[in-house]
Amino acid sequence: MEGLNGTAASVLSSGASYTVPLTFFSLIICVFGLVGNGILLCLLFFKVKKNQFTFYVLNLSIADFTFLFGLSVWFIYLVCIFYGMSNSNHVTNLLACFCSLLYHFGFNSGIYLLTVIGLERCFAVLYPLWYQCKRPNNLGVYVCIAMWMLSILVTGLDEFVCGNGKQYLLPGSEDCTNINFFTSALYVCVVCIMLLSSVTLLYDIQKAPLRCHSPRLYIVIIASMTVFLLSVVPARILGLLIYFNILKSEKYVFSTFFITSISSALNCSANPYIYTIAARWGKNLCQGSSMKNALENMFKEAT
């Protein structure tokens, strides 16, 4: 996603009739995502029994909540500006920097954690004996720390090397060209891992009748990765086309801001509702069990 600093002036000065509706629509998505992730975080922190999978989901929900919070603050500021609040360039730049750091950090952490979740489940399918007997107990902690650190690195490079929208004002002439190649290579790896993980888990689902548990957990992972691939990847490609001047930035940078924001918000908002639907699917729905018990029963499939 592009930085907020580079789009602040474009959004605030735009006279397009769809600016305000798009802002409200984006804010509504963020609010739904914040509510869903907030409820899920409360359940995972205080109610649901912990295991190796809930630890990953907890970290993923924190990342999604961080992204949605940063984006929500920015959209609330835009709404205030639209309805007559005085606009200071200094305040706008400071708030844009703060929100951009938050949502870039949350977004990057989320996609790396989601990739790791899919990859680990593949190892559980392909190497079940190793996973059950020899998997280090603290592996999830170390992996999550590594993903957060990777997100800090990528976010720092994006914000402090390619900040202030310079990559769109002077495409191809800044140091951030190398950063774009690096982050694009990471995205390619993420997409490839997600595709391979989805195929592996889909194949394993076909053997579900031979196992004692249902494939709900795998369906959750596949659904989350599918939402990411469908909502975020096209927006990322559009941003690269603008950066390399294949599409003219003057015409598309404003639209790209909302496309990337809405698609990424949909991606980060979808996960808690996917968990809810899957947890209530089948036996749990018929038994009328609580959401806590439904989630615990679903997450048990990871052990």
Protein backbone atom coordinates (compact mmCIF):
# COMPACT_ATOMS: atom_id res chain seq x y z
CA MET A 1 0.00 0.00 0.00
CA GLU A 2 1.15 3.50 -0.71
CA GLY A 3 1.97 5.93 2.08
CA LEU A 4 -0.62 8.32 3.47
CA ASN A 5 1.74 11.26 3.24
CA GLY A 6 1.77 11.01 -0.52
CA THR A 7 -2.00 10.90 -0.82
CA ALA A 8 -3.07 13.36 1.87
CA ALA A 9 -3.07 16.42 -0.35
CA SER A 10 -4.68 14.48 -3.19
CA VAL A 11 -7.56 13.25 -1.04
CA LEU A 12 -8.17 16.51 0.78
CA SER A 13 -8.07 18.62 -2.36
CA SER A 14 -10.09 16.26 -4.53
CA GLY A 15 -13.45 17.53 -5.62
CA ALA A 16 -14.63 14.13 -6.82
CA SER A 17 -18.23 13.45 -5.87
CA TYR A 18 -17.38 9.95 -4.66
CA THR A 19 -14.72 11.08 -2.15
CA VAL A 20 -17.04 11.38 0.86
CA PRO A 21 -19.06 8.17 0.15
CA LEU A 22 -15.87 6.17 -0.34
CA THR A 23 -14.45 7.55 2.89
CA PHE A 24 -17.58 6.60 4.84
CA PHE A 25 -17.70 3.17 3.17
CA SER A 26 -14.06 2.52 4.05
CA LEU A 27 -14.64 3.69 7.63
CA ILE A 28 -17.65 1.37 8.02
CA ILE A 29 -15.55 -1.61 6.89
CA CYS A 30 -12.85 -0.65 9.38
CA VAL A 31 -15.37 -0.35 12.23
CA PHE A 32 -16.80 -3.81 11.48
CA GLY A 33 -13.27 -5.19 11.38
CA LEU A 34 -12.30 -3.49 14.66
CA VAL A 35 -15.40 -4.88 16.38
CA GLY A 36 -14.81 -8.39 15.05
CA ASN A 37 -11.11 -8.45 15.88
CA GLY A 38 -11.75 -6.82 19.26
CA ILE A 39 -14.25 -9.51 20.27
CA LEU A 40 -11.94 -12.24 19.01
CA LEU A 41 -9.01 -10.78 20.96
CA CYS A 42 -11.07 -10.70 24.17
CA LEU A 43 -12.09 -14.34 23.68
CA LEU A 44 -8.55 -15.47 22.91
CA PHE A 45 -7.00 -13.51 25.79
CA PHE A 46 -9.48 -14.36 28.54
CA LYS A 47 -11.77 -17.22 27.52
CA VAL A 48 -10.42 -19.70 24.98
CA LYS A 49 -7.90 -22.33 26.08
CA LYS A 50 -4.49 -21.63 24.60
CA ASN A 51 -2.73 -23.93 22.16
CA GLN A 52 -0.18 -23.52 19.39
CA PHE A 53 -2.79 -22.45 16.84
CA THR A 54 -4.63 -19.93 19.03
CA PHE A 55 -1.27 -18.22 19.62
CA TYR A 56 -0.93 -17.62 15.88
CA VAL A 57 -4.53 -16.43 15.60
CA LEU A 58 -4.02 -14.08 18.54
CA ASN A 59 -1.00 -12.49 16.87
CA LEU A 60 -2.84 -12.26 13.55
CA SER A 61 -5.79 -10.52 15.21
CA ILE A 62 -3.46 -8.02 16.90
CA ALA A 63 -1.89 -7.25 13.52
CA ASP A 64 -5.28 -6.82 11.83
CA PHE A 65 -6.56 -4.64 14.68
CA THR A 66 -3.45 -2.44 14.44
CA PHE A 67 -3.94 -1.96 10.71
CA LEU A 68 -7.65 -1.17 11.02
CA PHE A 69 -7.09 1.22 13.92
CA GLY A 70 -4.51 3.24 11.99
CA LEU A 71 -6.70 3.40 8.89
CA SER A 72 -9.80 4.30 10.94
CA VAL A 73 -8.05 7.24 12.61
CA TRP A 74 -7.06 8.56 9.19
CA PHE A 75 -10.56 8.22 7.76
CA ILE A 76 -12.11 9.88 10.83
CA TYR A 77 -9.72 12.78 10.29
CA LEU A 78 -10.78 12.98 6.65
CA VAL A 79 -14.45 13.04 7.65
CA CYS A 80 -13.75 15.89 10.08
CA ILE A 81 -12.00 17.83 7.31
CA PHE A 82 -14.89 17.24 4.92
CA TYR A 83 -17.31 18.67 7.49
CA GLY A 84 -15.45 21.89 8.12
CA MET A 85 -12.69 21.23 10.65
CA SER A 86 -9.72 23.52 10.07
CA ASN A 87 -6.90 21.80 8.19
CA SER A 88 -3.27 22.29 9.15
CA ASN A 89 -0.56 20.89 6.90
CA HIS A 90 1.61 20.19 9.93
CA VAL A 91 -1.14 18.26 11.71
CA THR A 92 -2.05 16.43 8.50
CA ASN A 93 1.54 15.33 7.91
CA LEU A 94 2.05 14.21 11.52
CA LEU A 95 -1.22 12.27 11.60
CA ALA A 96 -0.54 10.77 8.18
CA CYS A 97 2.88 9.60 9.33
CA PHE A 98 1.45 8.07 12.53
CA CYS A 99 -1.42 6.30 10.74
CA SER A 100 0.79 5.14 7.91
CA LEU A 101 3.26 3.56 10.32
CA LEU A 102 0.43 1.81 12.17
CA TYR A 103 -1.37 0.38 9.19
CA HIS A 104 1.73 -0.57 7.23
CA PHE A 105 3.11 -2.35 10.28
CA GLY A 106 -0.18 -4.11 11.00
CA PHE A 107 -0.78 -5.04 7.37
CA ASN A 108 2.71 -6.45 6.80
CA SER A 109 2.62 -8.40 10.06
CA GLY A 110 -0.79 -9.82 9.17
CA ILE A 111 0.18 -11.20 5.79
CA TYR A 112 3.40 -12.74 7.11
CA LEU A 113 1.59 -14.37 10.03
CA LEU A 114 -1.16 -15.68 7.76
CA THR A 115 1.51 -17.16 5.49
CA VAL A 116 3.18 -18.87 8.46
CA ILE A 117 -0.16 -20.31 9.64
CA GLY A 118 -0.76 -21.90 6.24
CA LEU A 119 2.81 -23.17 6.03
CA GLU A 120 2.73 -24.75 9.48
CA ARG A 121 -0.53 -26.54 8.76
CA CYS A 122 1.07 -27.93 5.61
CA PHE A 123 3.91 -29.34 7.71
CA ALA A 124 1.29 -30.89 10.00
CA VAL A 125 -0.27 -32.58 6.96
CA LEU A 126 2.93 -33.62 5.18
CA TYR A 127 5.01 -34.57 8.24
CA PRO A 128 2.49 -35.55 10.95
CA LEU A 129 4.95 -37.58 13.05
CA TRP A 130 7.46 -34.72 13.21
CA TYR A 131 4.69 -32.25 13.98
CA GLN A 132 3.21 -34.31 16.79
CA CYS A 133 6.44 -35.57 18.37
CA LYS A 134 9.37 -33.33 17.49
CA ARG A 135 7.93 -29.87 16.86
CA PRO A 136 9.58 -27.49 19.39
CA ASN A 137 7.05 -26.26 21.93
CA ASN A 138 8.20 -22.65 21.57
CA LEU A 139 8.39 -22.68 17.79
CA GLY A 140 5.28 -20.50 17.45
CA VAL A 141 6.74 -17.85 19.75
CA TYR A 142 10.00 -17.65 17.81
CA VAL A 143 8.24 -17.60 14.44
CA CYS A 144 5.84 -14.84 15.50
CA ILE A 145 8.71 -12.73 16.85
CA ALA A 146 10.55 -13.22 13.54
CA MET A 147 7.45 -12.13 11.57
CA TRP A 148 6.99 -9.02 13.72
CA MET A 149 10.65 -8.13 13.23
CA LEU A 150 10.39 -8.67 9.48
CA SER A 151 7.37 -6.38 9.43
CA ILE A 152 9.31 -3.71 11.34
CA LEU A 153 12.10 -3.96 8.75
CA VAL A 154 9.79 -3.76 5.73
CA THR A 155 7.67 -0.99 7.26
CA GLY A 156 10.76 1.02 8.15
CA LEU A 157 12.15 0.71 4.65
CA ASP A 158 8.82 1.68 3.10
CA GLU A 159 8.23 4.65 5.38
CA PHE A 160 11.70 6.14 5.76
CA VAL A 161 13.13 5.38 2.31
CA CYS A 162 9.97 5.63 0.23
CA GLY A 163 7.92 7.95 2.44
CA ASN A 164 6.04 11.12 1.52
CA GLY A 165 4.81 9.67 -1.76
CA LYS A 166 8.16 10.26 -3.52
CA GLN A 167 7.88 6.93 -5.28
CA TYR A 168 4.81 8.19 -7.15
CA LEU A 169 5.99 11.73 -7.82
CA LEU A 170 9.31 10.62 -9.35
CA PRO A 171 8.83 6.96 -10.26
CA GLY A 172 11.99 5.02 -10.95
CA SER A 173 14.31 7.84 -9.83
CA GLU A 174 14.42 7.19 -6.08
CA ASP A 175 16.32 4.73 -3.90
CA CYS A 176 13.00 3.06 -3.10
CA THR A 177 13.14 1.26 -6.48
CA ASN A 178 15.31 -1.35 -4.75
CA ILE A 179 12.89 -1.41 -1.83
CA ASN A 180 10.02 -2.05 -4.24
CA PHE A 181 11.90 -4.97 -5.78
CA PHE A 182 12.61 -6.37 -2.30
CA THR A 183 9.03 -6.03 -1.05
CA SER A 184 7.66 -7.33 -4.36
CA ALA A 185 9.88 -10.40 -4.05
CA LEU A 186 8.47 -10.94 -0.55
CA TYR A 187 4.94 -10.65 -1.93
CA VAL A 188 5.73 -13.21 -4.62
CA CYS A 189 7.02 -15.61 -1.95
CA VAL A 190 3.93 -14.97 0.18
CA VAL A 191 1.57 -15.61 -2.74
CA CYS A 192 3.40 -18.77 -3.79
CA ILE A 193 3.37 -20.15 -0.23
CA MET A 194 -0.32 -19.34 0.15
CA LEU A 195 -1.20 -21.02 -3.13
CA LEU A 196 0.83 -24.14 -2.30
CA SER A 197 -0.62 -24.23 1.21
CA SER A 198 -4.17 -23.94 -0.12
CA VAL A 199 -3.65 -26.74 -2.62
CA THR A 200 -2.08 -28.98 0.04
CA LEU A 201 -4.87 -28.37 2.53
CA LEU A 202 -7.56 -28.84 -0.12
CA TYR A 203 -6.03 -32.19 -0.99
CA ASP A 204 -6.00 -33.17 2.68
CA ILE A 205 -9.64 -32.17 3.05
CA GLN A 206 -10.52 -34.87 0.52
CA LYS A 207 -9.29 -37.40 3.09
CA ALA A 208 -11.39 -35.87 5.87
CA PRO A 209 -13.87 -38.81 6.07
CA LEU A 210 -10.92 -41.05 6.95
CA ARG A 211 -10.01 -38.91 9.95
CA CYS A 212 -11.67 -38.34 13.29
CA HIS A 213 -12.04 -34.59 13.00
CA SER A 214 -13.66 -32.32 10.45
CA PRO A 215 -11.67 -30.09 8.07
CA ARG A 216 -13.15 -26.86 9.43
CA LEU A 217 -9.79 -25.51 10.56
CA TYR A 218 -8.30 -26.04 7.10
CA ILE A 219 -11.30 -24.38 5.48
CA VAL A 220 -10.75 -21.36 7.75
CA ILE A 221 -7.12 -21.08 6.66
CA ILE A 222 -7.96 -21.51 2.98
CA ALA A 223 -10.76 -18.93 3.21
CA SER A 224 -8.47 -16.40 4.90
CA MET A 225 -5.75 -16.87 2.30
CA THR A 226 -8.29 -16.68 -0.54
CA VAL A 227 -9.63 -13.36 0.78
CA PHE A 228 -6.07 -12.05 0.89
CA LEU A 229 -5.28 -13.19 -2.64
CA LEU A 230 -8.49 -11.75 -4.09
CA SER A 231 -8.53 -8.46 -2.20
CA VAL A 232 -4.92 -7.42 -1.75
CA VAL A 233 -2.88 -8.86 -4.63
CA PRO A 234 -4.68 -6.91 -7.43
CA ALA A 235 -4.25 -3.67 -5.43
CA ARG A 236 -0.55 -4.41 -4.99
CA ILE A 237 -0.14 -4.98 -8.72
CA LEU A 238 -1.93 -1.69 -9.43
CA GLY A 239 0.46 0.14 -7.11
CA LEU A 240 3.47 -1.34 -8.92
CA LEU A 241 2.04 -0.36 -12.30
CA ILE A 242 1.75 3.22 -11.06
CA TYR A 243 5.23 3.21 -9.56
CA PHE A 244 6.87 2.04 -12.78
CA ASN A 245 4.85 4.64 -14.71
CA ILE A 246 2.93 2.05 -16.71
CA LEU A 247 -0.17 3.84 -15.43
CA LYS A 248 0.05 7.61 -15.04
CA SER A 249 0.21 8.44 -11.34
CA GLU A 250 -1.57 11.80 -11.73
CA LYS A 251 -4.68 10.02 -12.91
CA TYR A 252 -4.66 6.90 -10.76
CA VAL A 253 -3.01 7.76 -7.43
CA PHE A 254 -6.25 9.02 -5.86
CA SER A 255 -8.21 5.94 -6.96
CA THR A 256 -5.38 3.66 -5.88
CA PHE A 257 -5.50 5.09 -2.36
CA PHE A 258 -9.11 4.00 -1.92
CA ILE A 259 -8.71 0.72 -3.80
CA THR A 260 -5.79 -0.37 -1.64
CA SER A 261 -7.40 0.90 1.55
CA ILE A 262 -10.76 -0.80 0.97
CA SER A 263 -9.27 -4.08 -0.27
CA SER A 264 -6.82 -4.29 2.62
CA ALA A 265 -9.53 -3.37 5.13
CA LEU A 266 -11.73 -6.14 3.75
CA ASN A 267 -8.84 -8.58 4.10
CA CYS A 268 -8.12 -7.64 7.73
CA SER A 269 -11.81 -7.45 8.68
CA ALA A 270 -12.79 -10.83 7.25
CA ASN A 271 -10.76 -13.16 9.47
CA PRO A 272 -12.78 -12.96 12.74
CA TYR A 273 -16.04 -13.46 10.85
CA ILE A 274 -14.57 -16.42 8.99
CA TYR A 275 -13.64 -17.97 12.35
CA THR A 276 -17.14 -17.29 13.69
CA ILE A 277 -18.91 -18.90 10.74
CA ALA A 278 -16.60 -21.92 10.75
CA ALA A 279 -16.83 -22.36 14.53
CA ARG A 280 -20.64 -22.34 14.35
CA TRP A 281 -20.72 -24.69 11.38
CA GLY A 282 -22.10 -28.20 11.85
CA LYS A 283 -22.36 -29.71 15.31
CA ASN A 284 -21.69 -26.53 17.23
CA LEU A 285 -24.59 -24.70 15.61
CA CYS A 286 -27.02 -27.53 16.34
CA GLN A 287 -25.91 -27.83 19.95
CA GLY A 288 -26.29 -24.10 20.49
CA SER A 289 -22.93 -23.94 22.25
CA SER A 290 -21.35 -20.66 23.26
CA MET A 291 -18.92 -18.88 20.98
CA LYS A 292 -16.12 -19.71 23.41
CA ASN A 293 -16.82 -23.43 23.23
CA ALA A 294 -17.32 -23.32 19.47
CA LEU A 295 -13.93 -21.69 18.97
CA GLU A 296 -12.23 -24.08 21.39
CA ASN A 297 -13.65 -27.09 19.58
CA MET A 298 -12.48 -25.77 16.24
CA PHE A 299 -8.99 -24.85 17.47
CA LYS A 300 -8.59 -28.31 19.02
CA GLU A 301 -8.24 -29.60 15.47
CA ALA A 302 -4.82 -27.96 15.37
CA THR A 303 -3.44 -30.23 18.10
